[in-house]
Structures are given as C-alpha cells and as structure tokens.
C-alpha cells in the first residue's frame, strides 16, 4: 500500500499522479484533508476524460508531481 498524500499541502495548480495512471492539476482544495478537486491532464485508460474536472479521494492519489515550496514566498521557485 502506498503512503497517503497530505492533501493539506496541495495548492492550486499543483500536479498530482493518480493510482489509476492518470495525472491531474489541482483546481480547488477544500482543505479538509480528504478530498481534492482536480482536472485530468492525462488519462491513458480513457482519454475522453482529459480536461474534465473530478473530485478525488485521498486514497486514490499516488503522489504530488511538484516538489514542495521550499520557503519561497509564492509559486516562484516551484516547478510547474
């Protein structure tokens, strides 16, 4: 079993990898630590879903594709 991702640290625009092989971009974070709203960037199993928004449960997320913000005051310095 993979380690659970801390959704509280995800920000608008962060890229995430899903356990189903898809990648998505964070659109809204309700900051509840359980759900995240994201837009599919790539979904190999069903390309028709690319560009659509979805609500993802924390256990469906494999990890963040963006390194953490290492003390930068804004998104500057973060890989996009």
N, C-alpha and C. Protein backbone atom coordinates (compact mmCIF):
# COMPACT_ATOMS: atom_id res chain seq x y z
N UNK A 1 0.84 -1.18 0.00
CA UNK A 1 0.00 0.00 0.00
C UNK A 1 0.88 1.24 0.00
N UNK A 2 0.50 2.24 -0.79
CA UNK A 2 1.29 3.46 -0.87
C UNK A 2 1.00 4.37 0.31
N UNK A 3 1.92 5.29 0.55
CA UNK A 3 1.76 6.25 1.64
C UNK A 3 0.69 7.27 1.26
N UNK A 4 -0.13 7.67 2.21
CA UNK A 4 -1.21 8.62 1.96
C UNK A 4 -0.61 10.02 1.77
N UNK A 5 -1.10 10.72 0.75
CA UNK A 5 -0.65 12.07 0.42
C UNK A 5 -1.31 13.07 1.38
N UNK A 6 -0.56 14.05 1.84
CA UNK A 6 -1.11 15.10 2.70
C UNK A 6 -1.76 16.16 1.82
N UNK A 7 -3.07 16.06 1.63
CA UNK A 7 -3.79 16.99 0.76
C UNK A 7 -3.75 18.43 1.27
N UNK A 8 -3.51 18.61 2.55
CA UNK A 8 -3.47 19.96 3.11
C UNK A 8 -2.32 20.79 2.54
N UNK A 9 -1.33 20.13 1.96
CA UNK A 9 -0.17 20.84 1.41
C UNK A 9 -0.31 21.12 -0.08
N UNK A 10 -1.34 20.57 -0.73
CA UNK A 10 -1.52 20.81 -2.16
C UNK A 10 -2.16 22.17 -2.40
N UNK A 11 -1.68 22.84 -3.44
CA UNK A 11 -2.15 24.18 -3.79
C UNK A 11 -2.69 24.19 -5.21
N UNK A 12 -3.43 25.22 -5.53
CA UNK A 12 -3.97 25.43 -6.87
C UNK A 12 -2.84 25.33 -7.89
N UNK A 13 -3.04 24.50 -8.90
CA UNK A 13 -2.05 24.33 -9.96
C UNK A 13 -1.07 23.20 -9.76
N UNK A 14 -0.99 22.65 -8.54
CA UNK A 14 -0.10 21.51 -8.32
C UNK A 14 -0.55 20.34 -9.18
N UNK A 15 0.42 19.56 -9.64
CA UNK A 15 0.13 18.38 -10.44
C UNK A 15 0.20 17.15 -9.54
N UNK A 16 -0.74 16.23 -9.74
CA UNK A 16 -0.78 15.01 -8.92
C UNK A 16 -0.86 13.79 -9.82
N UNK A 17 -0.31 12.70 -9.34
CA UNK A 17 -0.38 11.41 -10.02
C UNK A 17 -1.43 10.57 -9.31
N UNK A 18 -2.27 9.94 -10.11
CA UNK A 18 -3.33 9.10 -9.56
C UNK A 18 -2.90 7.63 -9.61
N UNK A 19 -3.46 6.82 -8.73
CA UNK A 19 -3.15 5.40 -8.71
C UNK A 19 -3.60 4.69 -9.99
N UNK A 20 -4.58 5.25 -10.70
CA UNK A 20 -5.07 4.64 -11.93
C UNK A 20 -4.21 5.00 -13.14
N UNK A 21 -3.10 5.70 -12.95
CA UNK A 21 -2.20 6.06 -14.03
C UNK A 21 -2.44 7.42 -14.62
N UNK A 22 -3.47 8.10 -14.19
CA UNK A 22 -3.80 9.43 -14.69
C UNK A 22 -2.96 10.49 -13.98
N UNK A 23 -2.87 11.66 -14.59
CA UNK A 23 -2.30 12.83 -13.94
C UNK A 23 -3.36 13.93 -13.96
N UNK A 24 -3.31 14.79 -12.95
CA UNK A 24 -4.32 15.83 -12.83
C UNK A 24 -3.70 17.09 -12.23
N UNK A 25 -4.40 18.22 -12.40
CA UNK A 25 -3.98 19.50 -11.86
C UNK A 25 -5.00 19.94 -10.81
N UNK A 26 -4.52 20.33 -9.64
CA UNK A 26 -5.41 20.76 -8.55
C UNK A 26 -6.13 22.04 -8.97
N UNK A 27 -7.45 22.02 -8.88
CA UNK A 27 -8.28 23.18 -9.20
C UNK A 27 -8.80 23.85 -7.94
N UNK A 28 -9.20 23.06 -6.95
CA UNK A 28 -9.72 23.57 -5.68
C UNK A 28 -9.32 22.61 -4.58
N UNK A 29 -8.93 23.18 -3.46
CA UNK A 29 -8.61 22.36 -2.29
C UNK A 29 -9.49 22.84 -1.14
N UNK A 30 -10.50 22.04 -0.75
CA UNK A 30 -11.37 22.44 0.36
C UNK A 30 -10.68 22.41 1.72
N UNK A 31 -9.43 21.95 1.74
CA UNK A 31 -8.61 21.91 2.97
C UNK A 31 -9.23 21.04 4.06
N UNK A 32 -9.90 19.96 3.65
CA UNK A 32 -10.43 19.02 4.64
C UNK A 32 -9.52 17.81 4.80
N UNK A 33 -8.49 17.71 3.95
CA UNK A 33 -7.54 16.61 4.05
C UNK A 33 -8.04 15.30 3.50
N UNK A 34 -9.24 15.30 2.92
CA UNK A 34 -9.84 14.05 2.45
C UNK A 34 -10.11 14.09 0.95
N UNK A 35 -10.54 15.24 0.43
CA UNK A 35 -10.92 15.38 -0.98
C UNK A 35 -10.12 16.50 -1.63
N UNK A 36 -9.96 16.39 -2.94
CA UNK A 36 -9.34 17.44 -3.74
C UNK A 36 -10.10 17.51 -5.07
N UNK A 37 -10.29 18.69 -5.60
CA UNK A 37 -10.92 18.85 -6.91
C UNK A 37 -9.80 19.11 -7.92
N UNK A 38 -9.76 18.31 -8.98
CA UNK A 38 -8.68 18.42 -9.95
C UNK A 38 -9.20 18.17 -11.36
N UNK A 39 -8.40 18.61 -12.33
CA UNK A 39 -8.72 18.42 -13.75
C UNK A 39 -7.74 17.41 -14.34
N UNK A 40 -8.29 16.40 -15.01
CA UNK A 40 -7.43 15.42 -15.67
C UNK A 40 -6.57 16.08 -16.73
N UNK A 41 -5.28 15.86 -16.68
CA UNK A 41 -4.36 16.30 -17.71
C UNK A 41 -4.09 15.16 -18.69
N UNK A 42 -3.99 13.96 -18.15
CA UNK A 42 -3.77 12.76 -18.96
C UNK A 42 -4.45 11.59 -18.26
N UNK A 43 -5.10 10.77 -19.06
CA UNK A 43 -5.76 9.57 -18.51
C UNK A 43 -5.64 8.48 -19.57
N UNK A 44 -4.57 7.69 -19.51
CA UNK A 44 -4.30 6.68 -20.53
C UNK A 44 -5.45 5.69 -20.77
N UNK A 45 -6.18 5.33 -19.73
CA UNK A 45 -7.26 4.35 -19.89
C UNK A 45 -8.50 4.94 -20.55
N UNK A 46 -8.69 6.26 -20.48
CA UNK A 46 -9.87 6.90 -21.07
C UNK A 46 -9.56 8.35 -21.43
N UNK A 47 -8.91 8.56 -22.59
CA UNK A 47 -8.53 9.91 -23.00
C UNK A 47 -9.71 10.88 -23.11
N UNK A 48 -10.93 10.39 -23.21
CA UNK A 48 -12.09 11.27 -23.30
C UNK A 48 -12.29 12.07 -22.01
N UNK A 49 -11.69 11.62 -20.89
CA UNK A 49 -11.82 12.33 -19.61
C UNK A 49 -10.81 13.46 -19.45
N UNK A 50 -9.81 13.52 -20.33
CA UNK A 50 -8.80 14.58 -20.24
C UNK A 50 -9.46 15.94 -20.39
N UNK A 51 -9.17 16.84 -19.48
CA UNK A 51 -9.77 18.17 -19.46
C UNK A 51 -11.00 18.26 -18.59
N UNK A 52 -11.49 17.13 -18.10
CA UNK A 52 -12.68 17.16 -17.23
C UNK A 52 -12.27 17.26 -15.77
N UNK A 53 -13.15 17.85 -14.98
CA UNK A 53 -12.90 18.01 -13.54
C UNK A 53 -13.50 16.84 -12.78
N UNK A 54 -12.84 16.50 -11.68
CA UNK A 54 -13.27 15.35 -10.87
C UNK A 54 -12.93 15.64 -9.42
N UNK A 55 -13.66 15.04 -8.52
CA UNK A 55 -13.37 15.11 -7.10
C UNK A 55 -12.63 13.82 -6.75
N UNK A 56 -11.43 13.93 -6.18
CA UNK A 56 -10.60 12.77 -5.88
C UNK A 56 -10.48 12.57 -4.38
N UNK A 57 -10.58 11.32 -3.97
CA UNK A 57 -10.41 10.91 -2.58
C UNK A 57 -8.91 10.72 -2.32
N UNK A 58 -8.46 11.05 -1.15
CA UNK A 58 -7.04 10.99 -0.81
C UNK A 58 -6.41 9.63 -1.14
N UNK A 59 -7.12 8.55 -0.94
CA UNK A 59 -6.54 7.22 -1.18
C UNK A 59 -6.44 6.87 -2.66
N UNK A 60 -6.97 7.71 -3.55
CA UNK A 60 -6.84 7.50 -4.99
C UNK A 60 -5.62 8.20 -5.57
N UNK A 61 -4.93 8.98 -4.74
CA UNK A 61 -3.81 9.79 -5.21
C UNK A 61 -2.48 9.10 -4.85
N UNK A 62 -1.63 8.92 -5.88
CA UNK A 62 -0.34 8.27 -5.68
C UNK A 62 0.69 9.24 -5.12
N UNK A 63 0.62 10.51 -5.52
CA UNK A 63 1.58 11.48 -5.02
C UNK A 63 1.55 12.78 -5.79
N UNK A 64 2.30 13.73 -5.29
CA UNK A 64 2.42 15.04 -5.93
C UNK A 64 3.54 14.99 -6.96
N UNK A 65 3.33 15.64 -8.09
CA UNK A 65 4.36 15.72 -9.12
C UNK A 65 5.15 17.02 -9.04
N UNK A 66 4.84 17.85 -8.04
CA UNK A 66 5.52 19.12 -7.85
C UNK A 66 6.25 19.08 -6.52
N UNK A 67 7.53 19.41 -6.52
CA UNK A 67 8.24 19.42 -5.24
C UNK A 67 7.64 20.46 -4.31
N UNK A 68 7.79 20.28 -3.01
CA UNK A 68 7.23 21.24 -2.06
C UNK A 68 7.85 22.62 -2.23
N UNK A 69 7.16 23.64 -1.76
CA UNK A 69 7.64 25.01 -1.79
C UNK A 69 8.67 25.15 -0.66
N UNK A 70 9.92 25.26 -1.03
CA UNK A 70 10.99 25.30 -0.04
C UNK A 70 11.25 26.70 0.47
N UNK A 71 10.23 27.32 1.09
CA UNK A 71 10.41 28.62 1.71
C UNK A 71 10.23 29.79 0.78
N UNK A 72 9.88 29.55 -0.48
CA UNK A 72 9.65 30.66 -1.39
C UNK A 72 8.33 31.31 -1.04
N UNK A 73 8.23 32.64 -1.13
CA UNK A 73 7.01 33.34 -0.71
C UNK A 73 5.84 33.15 -1.66
N UNK A 74 6.08 32.64 -2.85
CA UNK A 74 4.99 32.44 -3.80
C UNK A 74 5.29 31.21 -4.63
N UNK A 75 4.58 31.05 -5.72
CA UNK A 75 4.81 29.90 -6.60
C UNK A 75 6.15 30.01 -7.31
N UNK A 76 6.82 31.17 -7.23
CA UNK A 76 8.14 31.30 -7.82
C UNK A 76 9.07 30.28 -7.16
N UNK A 77 9.81 29.60 -7.96
CA UNK A 77 10.73 28.60 -7.42
C UNK A 77 10.13 27.21 -7.40
N UNK A 78 8.84 27.11 -7.66
CA UNK A 78 8.20 25.79 -7.74
C UNK A 78 8.19 25.36 -9.19
N UNK A 79 8.41 24.10 -9.41
CA UNK A 79 8.30 23.57 -10.77
C UNK A 79 6.85 23.47 -11.14
N UNK A 80 6.49 23.85 -12.33
CA UNK A 80 5.10 23.78 -12.78
C UNK A 80 4.92 22.73 -13.83
